Amino acid sequence: MSIPDRFKRAALALAVSGLSALAVLPVAAHAADTLRPDVAKPLNDAQNLYRAHHYDDALDKIAQAAAVPNKTPYETYMVEEMRGAAAMAAGQNGVAAQAYESLLASGQLKGEDEQRTTAALAGIYFQQKNYAQAIKVAQRYQKAGGGDPQMATLLVESYYLSGDYASAVHLLNTSVDAQVRGGHAPDEAQLQLLGTCAQHANDQVAYRGALEKLVAYHPKQAYWDDLLHAIRSKPGYFGALDLDTYRLRRATGSLASANDYMEMTQLAIVAGSTAEGKQVIDQGFASGALGHDAGADREHRLQALAAKRAQAGPDPANPVAPFDAAFNQVYAGQAKQGLATMQALIAKGGLDHPDLAQLRLGEAYYAAGQKALAVQAFKAVKGSDGSADLAQLWILVASKP
């Protein structure tokens, strides 16, 4: 994963946005304060030059005002405010940064004025690739009550570009969690950036968490590929869960290719979930993914086999485990009976893979439209073989309205 382009554009936009936020104020902006003539005249001249877009000449006039000895705090304030705006317009960001630092150090800026100046200064430092200072100033902006989301973006980007990936992960996780708690789908670009930062920080928990939310809220083939690779790469992964990963993808509408439908159908048939297998391959044909390319003949043959297996009774030569047969009943339209049998077998104990059984009980509840019970079942999955990872994904999917 890499930094989403939208985040790069947002950070750069903020880095050059100070001009509109910090336009030169009239010299007599504060009625209670006055400027002596030897300060006011060059500043008035500078303002006229600024308006005429002669920024370098404006800076020369401001320098004349700055050279006046024994300036009052208000005079110094006006000099630095105008110097900062003119310097930014002239592209002299170093001069602008010094001016804005002086303004902030003066203690005369309050409220929105302080926030605007701080935001502009953070943008300057970011543009100069002085990420340590950009972080420091962006944090000051937030402490001053600033809430511009672009500043939060700049802060995360600064952490990332300075190599402090752990701090970036912390900020992004906080933002994503707040979106989820608020009942909103987390921003896709934020989740992409979280995954990238987590990879650099070698934080596998945060990385899988980002991928889990991506597939739950923004299901795409690439995200599923990354997530399944992460889950399958864990030591002790149980291969039988491959079918369950396909069930998740189907539930989120991310089955797309002919291979997806073909492999899931075959895995379902082998697992004894023949009714499900027929539904999957029929869906593949209905969606247009199957039946129109060079593999159409093979796809039609598998569809015929799936239909035959779904209609056939128990095969004594290839017996299906009672739990798997009960799972198949759910897809065959006998949900009440199938679920009752699955529950009874889990309660009895002695199953070879109890966490897999608990996971599939949740899947069966979900397939039967009983999402609340599905979530309860998924929460009971504790296996370290990948089953608990999939259960957490299912909880996200089943919890959505």
Protein backbone atom coordinates (compact mmCIF):
# COMPACT_ATOMS: atom_id res chain seq x y z
CA MET A 1 0.00 0.00 0.00
CA SER A 2 1.14 3.58 -0.63
CA ILE A 3 0.10 7.08 0.42
CA PRO A 4 -3.21 7.93 -1.26
CA ASP A 5 -2.81 10.77 -3.79
CA ARG A 6 -5.73 12.62 -2.19
CA PHE A 7 -3.79 12.90 1.06
CA LYS A 8 -0.73 14.22 -0.74
CA ARG A 9 -2.82 16.83 -2.54
CA ALA A 10 -4.57 17.88 0.67
CA ALA A 11 -1.31 18.36 2.54
CA LEU A 12 0.26 20.34 -0.29
CA ALA A 13 -2.86 22.46 -0.68
CA LEU A 14 -2.68 23.39 2.98
CA ALA A 15 1.01 24.18 2.63
CA VAL A 16 0.29 26.99 0.16
CA SER A 17 -3.05 28.20 1.48
CA GLY A 18 -1.77 30.88 3.84
CA LEU A 19 -2.15 33.80 1.45
CA SER A 20 -5.93 33.83 1.40
CA ALA A 21 -6.12 33.27 5.15
CA LEU A 22 -3.55 35.93 6.01
CA ALA A 23 -4.17 38.84 3.67
CA VAL A 24 -2.63 42.16 4.66
CA LEU A 25 -4.83 44.01 7.13
CA PRO A 26 -5.41 47.76 6.92
CA VAL A 27 -2.79 49.61 8.88
CA ALA A 28 -5.46 51.13 11.15
CA ALA A 29 -7.07 47.77 11.89
CA HIS A 30 -7.02 48.31 15.64
CA ALA A 31 -8.58 51.63 16.57
CA ALA A 32 -7.11 51.50 20.06
CA ASP A 33 -3.56 51.34 18.65
CA THR A 34 -1.68 53.84 16.57
CA LEU A 35 1.38 53.86 14.35
CA ARG A 36 3.91 56.65 14.36
CA PRO A 37 4.27 58.39 10.98
CA ASP A 38 7.75 56.98 10.31
CA VAL A 39 6.28 53.45 10.68
CA ALA A 40 2.86 54.09 9.14
CA LYS A 41 4.09 55.66 5.89
CA PRO A 42 6.31 52.78 4.69
CA LEU A 43 3.66 50.28 5.76
CA ASN A 44 0.99 52.16 3.79
CA ASP A 45 3.31 52.23 0.79
CA ALA A 46 3.96 48.50 1.26
CA GLN A 47 0.26 47.76 1.32
CA ASN A 48 -0.30 49.65 -1.94
CA LEU A 49 2.59 47.77 -3.54
CA TYR A 50 1.17 44.49 -2.26
CA ARG A 51 -2.19 45.23 -3.84
CA ALA A 52 -0.41 45.98 -7.10
CA HIS A 53 1.36 42.58 -6.82
CA HIS A 54 4.79 44.15 -6.41
CA TYR A 55 5.67 41.91 -3.50
CA ASP A 56 9.45 42.34 -3.44
CA ASP A 57 9.09 46.12 -3.43
CA ALA A 58 6.52 45.77 -0.64
CA LEU A 59 9.06 43.81 1.39
CA ASP A 60 11.60 46.62 0.94
CA LYS A 61 9.12 49.14 2.36
CA ILE A 62 8.31 46.81 5.25
CA ALA A 63 12.04 46.54 5.99
CA GLN A 64 12.14 50.34 6.26
CA ALA A 65 9.36 50.24 8.85
CA ALA A 66 11.12 47.42 10.70
CA ALA A 67 14.29 49.52 10.93
CA VAL A 68 12.56 52.24 12.95
CA PRO A 69 13.98 52.11 16.50
CA ASN A 70 11.99 51.65 19.70
CA LYS A 71 8.86 50.27 18.04
CA THR A 72 5.81 49.62 20.19
CA PRO A 73 4.45 46.05 20.45
CA TYR A 74 1.62 47.06 18.12
CA GLU A 75 4.03 48.48 15.54
CA THR A 76 6.10 45.30 15.65
CA TYR A 77 2.91 43.27 15.29
CA MET A 78 1.85 45.17 12.15
CA VAL A 79 5.32 44.97 10.62
CA GLU A 80 5.56 41.19 11.05
CA GLU A 81 1.98 40.56 9.94
CA MET A 82 2.52 42.46 6.70
CA ARG A 83 5.98 40.96 6.22
CA GLY A 84 4.58 37.45 6.51
CA ALA A 85 1.84 37.99 3.95
CA ALA A 86 4.10 39.80 1.47
CA ALA A 87 6.86 37.21 1.84
CA MET A 88 4.46 34.35 1.15
CA ALA A 89 3.16 36.15 -1.92
CA ALA A 90 6.75 36.70 -3.08
CA GLY A 91 7.60 33.04 -2.57
CA GLN A 92 10.04 33.85 0.23
CA ASN A 93 8.72 31.23 2.61
CA GLY A 94 11.71 31.40 4.92
CA VAL A 95 11.08 35.09 5.56
CA ALA A 96 7.38 34.40 6.01
CA ALA A 97 8.13 31.66 8.55
CA GLN A 98 10.29 34.03 10.61
CA ALA A 99 7.55 36.66 10.53
CA TYR A 100 4.86 34.24 11.64
CA GLU A 101 7.10 32.83 14.37
CA SER A 102 7.54 36.38 15.67
CA LEU A 103 3.79 36.97 15.58
CA LEU A 104 3.07 33.81 17.53
CA ALA A 105 5.82 34.56 20.06
CA SER A 106 4.39 38.03 20.66
CA GLY A 107 1.36 36.62 22.43
CA GLN A 108 -0.89 39.16 20.71
CA LEU A 109 -2.66 36.65 18.47
CA LYS A 110 -5.81 35.08 19.85
CA GLY A 111 -8.60 32.81 18.65
CA GLU A 112 -9.02 32.51 14.88
CA ASP A 113 -6.10 34.86 14.18
CA GLU A 114 -3.77 32.54 16.07
CA GLN A 115 -5.20 29.48 14.33
CA ARG A 116 -4.83 30.98 10.84
CA THR A 117 -1.28 32.08 11.48
CA THR A 118 -0.34 28.72 12.98
CA ALA A 119 -1.90 26.84 10.05
CA ALA A 120 0.01 28.97 7.54
CA LEU A 121 3.28 28.45 9.43
CA ALA A 122 2.77 24.69 9.60
CA GLY A 123 2.10 24.70 5.85
CA ILE A 124 5.31 26.62 5.19
CA TYR A 125 7.40 24.19 7.21
CA PHE A 126 5.74 21.24 5.47
CA GLN A 127 6.50 22.74 2.06
CA GLN A 128 10.11 23.25 3.14
CA LYS A 129 10.20 19.58 4.21
CA ASN A 130 10.99 20.67 7.75
CA TYR A 131 8.70 18.01 9.14
CA ALA A 132 9.84 18.29 12.75
CA GLN A 133 8.77 21.93 12.84
CA ALA A 134 5.60 21.20 10.87
CA ILE A 135 4.64 18.64 13.53
CA LYS A 136 5.38 21.04 16.36
CA VAL A 137 3.34 23.87 14.84
CA ALA A 138 0.46 21.61 13.75
CA GLN A 139 0.19 20.34 17.32
CA ARG A 140 0.06 23.94 18.52
CA TYR A 141 -2.71 24.61 16.04
CA GLN A 142 -4.79 21.77 17.45
CA LYS A 143 -4.14 22.85 21.04
CA ALA A 144 -5.35 26.34 20.06
CA GLY A 145 -8.69 24.80 19.10
CA GLY A 146 -8.17 24.50 15.36
CA GLY A 147 -10.29 21.82 13.73
CA ASP A 148 -9.41 21.98 10.03
CA PRO A 149 -9.21 18.35 8.85
CA GLN A 150 -6.51 19.33 6.36
CA MET A 151 -4.27 20.23 9.30
CA ALA A 152 -4.80 16.74 10.71
CA THR A 153 -3.79 15.42 7.28
CA LEU A 154 -0.66 17.56 7.29
CA LEU A 155 0.25 16.29 10.76
CA VAL A 156 -0.11 12.65 9.72
CA GLU A 157 1.84 13.27 6.52
CA SER A 158 4.61 14.98 8.50
CA TYR A 159 4.89 12.01 10.84
CA TYR A 160 4.97 9.67 7.87
CA LEU A 161 7.57 11.61 5.89
CA SER A 162 9.76 12.06 8.96
CA GLY A 163 9.72 8.30 9.56
CA ASP A 164 7.64 8.40 12.74
CA TYR A 165 5.20 5.77 11.52
CA ALA A 166 4.01 4.75 14.98
CA SER A 167 2.71 8.27 15.69
CA ALA A 168 0.98 8.35 12.31
CA VAL A 169 -0.68 5.01 13.08
CA HIS A 170 -1.89 6.32 16.45
CA LEU A 171 -3.45 9.45 14.92
CA LEU A 172 -5.10 7.57 12.08
CA ASN A 173 -6.46 4.88 14.37
CA THR A 174 -7.99 7.56 16.58
CA SER A 175 -9.66 9.21 13.60
CA VAL A 176 -10.92 5.93 12.13
CA ASP A 177 -12.31 4.74 15.47
CA ALA A 178 -14.15 8.04 15.91
CA GLN A 179 -15.78 7.64 12.50
CA VAL A 180 -16.90 4.11 13.33
CA ARG A 181 -18.29 5.15 16.72
CA GLY A 182 -20.18 7.93 14.99
CA GLY A 183 -21.90 5.43 12.73
CA HIS A 184 -19.97 6.47 9.62
CA ALA A 185 -17.97 4.41 7.18
CA PRO A 186 -14.28 5.21 7.74
CA ASP A 187 -12.69 7.29 5.01
CA GLU A 188 -11.12 4.99 2.42
CA ALA A 189 -8.02 7.13 1.88
CA GLN A 190 -7.41 7.30 5.63
CA LEU A 191 -7.60 3.53 5.86
CA GLN A 192 -5.17 3.18 2.96
CA LEU A 193 -2.73 5.52 4.64
CA LEU A 194 -3.17 3.68 7.97
CA GLY A 195 -2.28 0.41 6.26
CA THR A 196 0.81 1.95 4.67
CA CYS A 197 2.03 3.46 7.94
CA ALA A 198 1.34 0.25 9.84
CA GLN A 199 3.40 -1.72 7.34
CA HIS A 200 6.35 0.64 7.78
CA ALA A 201 5.96 0.46 11.56
CA ASN A 202 5.80 -3.35 11.36
CA ASP A 203 2.53 -3.16 13.29
CA GLN A 204 0.72 -6.22 12.00
CA VAL A 205 -2.29 -5.71 14.25
CA ALA A 206 -2.88 -2.19 12.91
CA TYR A 207 -2.20 -3.35 9.35
CA ARG A 208 -4.77 -6.14 9.51
CA GLY A 209 -7.18 -3.78 11.26
CA ALA A 210 -6.92 -1.32 8.38
CA LEU A 211 -7.46 -4.06 5.83
CA GLU A 212 -10.39 -5.47 7.78
CA LYS A 213 -12.15 -2.13 7.68
CA LEU A 214 -11.31 -1.64 4.01
CA VAL A 215 -12.94 -4.90 3.01
CA ALA A 216 -15.88 -4.29 5.34
CA TYR A 217 -16.63 -0.72 4.23
CA HIS A 218 -14.93 -0.40 0.82
CA PRO A 219 -14.73 -3.97 -0.54
CA LYS A 220 -12.41 -4.27 -3.50
CA GLN A 221 -10.45 -7.15 -4.96
CA ALA A 222 -7.07 -5.62 -4.10
CA TYR A 223 -8.00 -5.17 -0.44
CA TRP A 224 -9.25 -8.73 -0.17
CA ASP A 225 -6.06 -10.01 -1.76
CA ASP A 226 -3.95 -8.07 0.75
CA LEU A 227 -6.05 -9.13 3.72
CA LEU A 228 -6.22 -12.79 2.82
CA HIS A 229 -2.50 -12.82 2.23
CA ALA A 230 -1.99 -11.31 5.69
CA ILE A 231 -4.29 -13.86 7.34
CA ARG A 232 -2.91 -16.82 5.43
CA SER A 233 0.65 -15.75 6.22
CA LYS A 234 0.04 -16.13 9.94
CA PRO A 235 1.69 -19.21 11.47
CA GLY A 236 -0.78 -22.04 11.96
CA TYR A 237 -3.34 -20.88 9.38
CA PHE A 238 -5.99 -23.59 8.79
CA GLY A 239 -6.44 -24.24 5.07
CA ALA A 240 -10.11 -25.20 5.40
CA LEU A 241 -10.82 -21.52 6.06
CA ASP A 242 -10.28 -20.71 2.38
CA LEU A 243 -13.97 -21.37 1.78
CA ASP A 244 -14.91 -19.06 4.65
CA THR A 245 -12.88 -16.24 3.14
CA TYR A 246 -14.89 -16.64 -0.05
CA ARG A 247 -18.10 -16.50 1.98
CA LEU A 248 -16.99 -13.17 3.40
CA ARG A 249 -16.21 -11.86 -0.06
CA ARG A 250 -19.57 -12.96 -1.33
CA ALA A 251 -21.34 -11.30 1.60
CA THR A 252 -19.62 -7.99 0.81
CA GLY A 253 -20.20 -8.21 -2.94
CA SER A 254 -16.53 -8.58 -3.83
CA LEU A 255 -16.64 -11.82 -5.79
CA ALA A 256 -15.75 -10.59 -9.25
CA SER A 257 -13.72 -12.89 -11.46
CA ALA A 258 -14.67 -16.18 -13.07
CA ASN A 259 -12.00 -17.85 -10.95
CA ASP A 260 -13.63 -16.52 -7.76
CA TYR A 261 -16.97 -18.12 -8.58
CA MET A 262 -15.45 -21.35 -9.87
CA GLU A 263 -13.14 -21.92 -6.91
CA MET A 264 -15.78 -21.07 -4.31
CA THR A 265 -18.26 -23.41 -5.98
CA GLN A 266 -15.77 -26.27 -5.97
CA LEU A 267 -14.75 -25.66 -2.35
CA ALA A 268 -18.39 -25.59 -1.28
CA ILE A 269 -19.17 -28.87 -3.04
CA VAL A 270 -16.14 -30.59 -1.51
CA ALA A 271 -17.15 -29.31 1.95
CA GLY A 272 -20.65 -30.80 1.54
CA SER A 273 -22.32 -27.38 1.18
CA THR A 274 -23.86 -28.33 -2.14
CA ALA A 275 -26.87 -26.01 -1.97
CA GLU A 276 -24.50 -23.12 -1.40
CA GLY A 277 -22.31 -24.27 -4.29
CA LYS A 278 -25.28 -24.18 -6.68
CA GLN A 279 -26.25 -20.70 -5.50
CA VAL A 280 -22.71 -19.41 -6.01
CA ILE A 281 -22.24 -20.64 -9.54
CA ASP A 282 -25.74 -19.56 -10.53
CA GLN A 283 -24.86 -16.11 -9.20
CA GLY A 284 -21.72 -16.15 -11.32
CA PHE A 285 -23.72 -16.73 -14.46
CA ALA A 286 -26.35 -14.17 -13.48
CA SER A 287 -23.68 -11.54 -12.86
CA GLY A 288 -22.08 -12.11 -16.25
CA ALA A 289 -18.78 -13.27 -14.78
CA LEU A 290 -19.30 -16.79 -16.18
CA GLY A 291 -20.42 -18.28 -19.45
CA HIS A 292 -19.04 -15.94 -22.09
CA ASP A 293 -15.30 -16.59 -22.55
CA ALA A 294 -13.00 -19.44 -23.45
CA GLY A 295 -13.82 -21.24 -20.21
CA ALA A 296 -17.58 -21.24 -20.77
CA ASP A 297 -17.82 -25.00 -21.45
CA ARG A 298 -16.03 -25.87 -18.21
CA GLU A 299 -18.15 -23.36 -16.31
CA HIS A 300 -21.37 -24.87 -17.65
CA ARG A 301 -20.17 -28.35 -16.69
CA LEU A 302 -19.49 -27.21 -13.14
CA GLN A 303 -22.91 -25.58 -12.99
CA ALA A 304 -24.53 -28.84 -14.04
CA LEU A 305 -22.50 -30.77 -11.45
CA ALA A 306 -23.45 -28.28 -8.73
CA ALA A 307 -27.13 -28.64 -9.58
CA LYS A 308 -26.86 -32.42 -9.54
CA ARG A 309 -25.07 -32.47 -6.18
CA ALA A 310 -27.55 -30.04 -4.65
CA GLN A 311 -30.50 -32.27 -5.67
CA ALA A 312 -28.89 -35.57 -4.71
CA GLY A 313 -29.46 -37.25 -1.35
CA PRO A 314 -26.70 -38.46 0.99
CA ASP A 315 -23.96 -40.45 -0.72
CA PRO A 316 -22.98 -43.46 1.43
CA ALA A 317 -19.67 -43.71 -0.44
CA ASN A 318 -18.76 -40.12 0.48
CA PRO A 319 -20.46 -39.39 3.80
CA VAL A 320 -20.71 -35.79 4.99
CA ALA A 321 -20.09 -34.96 8.63
CA PRO A 322 -23.33 -34.24 10.54
CA PHE A 323 -22.27 -30.65 11.23
CA ASP A 324 -21.56 -29.98 7.55
CA ALA A 325 -24.84 -31.59 6.54
CA ALA A 326 -26.67 -29.31 9.00
CA PHE A 327 -24.87 -26.28 7.56
CA ASN A 328 -26.01 -27.29 4.09
CA GLN A 329 -29.61 -27.44 5.31
CA VAL A 330 -29.48 -23.71 6.04
CA TYR A 331 -28.69 -22.96 2.40
CA ALA A 332 -31.19 -25.55 1.23
CA GLY A 333 -34.07 -23.65 2.84
CA GLN A 334 -34.24 -25.60 6.09
CA ALA A 335 -32.59 -22.97 8.30
CA LYS A 336 -34.47 -23.71 11.51
CA GLN A 337 -33.63 -27.40 11.46
CA GLY A 338 -30.06 -26.90 10.32
CA LEU A 339 -29.27 -24.24 12.92
CA ALA A 340 -30.75 -26.32 15.72
CA THR A 341 -28.57 -29.28 14.76
CA MET A 342 -25.44 -27.14 14.52
CA GLN A 343 -26.08 -25.65 17.96
CA ALA A 344 -26.67 -29.08 19.46
CA LEU A 345 -23.46 -30.50 18.01
CA ILE A 346 -21.40 -27.57 19.29
CA ALA A 347 -22.97 -27.88 22.74
CA LYS A 348 -22.24 -31.60 22.80
CA GLY A 349 -18.55 -31.02 22.10
CA GLY A 350 -16.04 -33.39 20.60
CA LEU A 351 -15.80 -31.61 17.25
CA ASP A 352 -12.38 -31.73 15.58
CA HIS A 353 -12.25 -27.98 15.01
CA PRO A 354 -14.57 -26.22 17.48
CA ASP A 355 -13.57 -22.70 16.43
CA LEU A 356 -14.25 -23.51 12.79
CA ALA A 357 -17.66 -24.88 13.81
CA GLN A 358 -18.42 -21.73 15.82
CA LEU A 359 -17.39 -19.56 12.86
CA ARG A 360 -19.66 -21.49 10.53
CA LEU A 361 -22.54 -21.28 12.98
CA GLY A 362 -22.21 -17.52 12.69
CA GLU A 363 -22.09 -17.77 8.90
CA ALA A 364 -25.22 -19.90 8.94
CA TYR A 365 -27.05 -17.36 11.11
CA TYR A 366 -25.98 -14.63 8.71
CA ALA A 367 -27.17 -16.61 5.69
CA ALA A 368 -30.50 -17.13 7.48
CA GLY A 369 -30.84 -13.37 7.99
CA GLN A 370 -30.34 -13.52 11.77
CA LYS A 371 -27.52 -10.97 12.08
CA ALA A 372 -27.70 -10.38 15.82
CA LEU A 373 -27.28 -14.08 16.55
CA ALA A 374 -24.54 -14.24 13.93
CA VAL A 375 -22.58 -11.55 15.78
CA GLN A 376 -22.96 -13.45 19.05
CA ALA A 377 -21.63 -16.60 17.43
CA PHE A 378 -18.68 -14.80 15.84
CA LYS A 379 -17.71 -13.23 19.15
CA ALA A 380 -17.21 -16.72 20.60
CA VAL A 381 -14.55 -17.64 18.01
CA LYS A 382 -11.12 -17.56 19.64
CA GLY A 383 -8.94 -19.70 17.38
CA SER A 384 -5.40 -18.60 16.51
CA ASP A 385 -5.57 -20.47 13.20
CA GLY A 386 -7.16 -17.58 11.30
CA SER A 387 -10.72 -18.33 12.38
CA ALA A 388 -10.81 -15.48 14.92
CA ASP A 389 -9.46 -13.06 12.30
CA LEU A 390 -12.27 -14.00 9.96
CA ALA A 391 -14.80 -13.84 12.78
CA GLN A 392 -13.79 -10.23 13.49
CA LEU A 393 -14.38 -9.41 9.85
CA TRP A 394 -17.76 -11.07 9.96
CA ILE A 395 -18.70 -9.01 13.01
CA LEU A 396 -18.03 -5.84 11.02
CA VAL A 397 -20.10 -7.10 8.11
CA ALA A 398 -22.97 -8.44 10.21
CA SER A 399 -23.11 -5.29 12.36
CA LYS A 400 -23.73 -3.01 9.39
CA PRO A 401 -27.39 -1.88 8.93
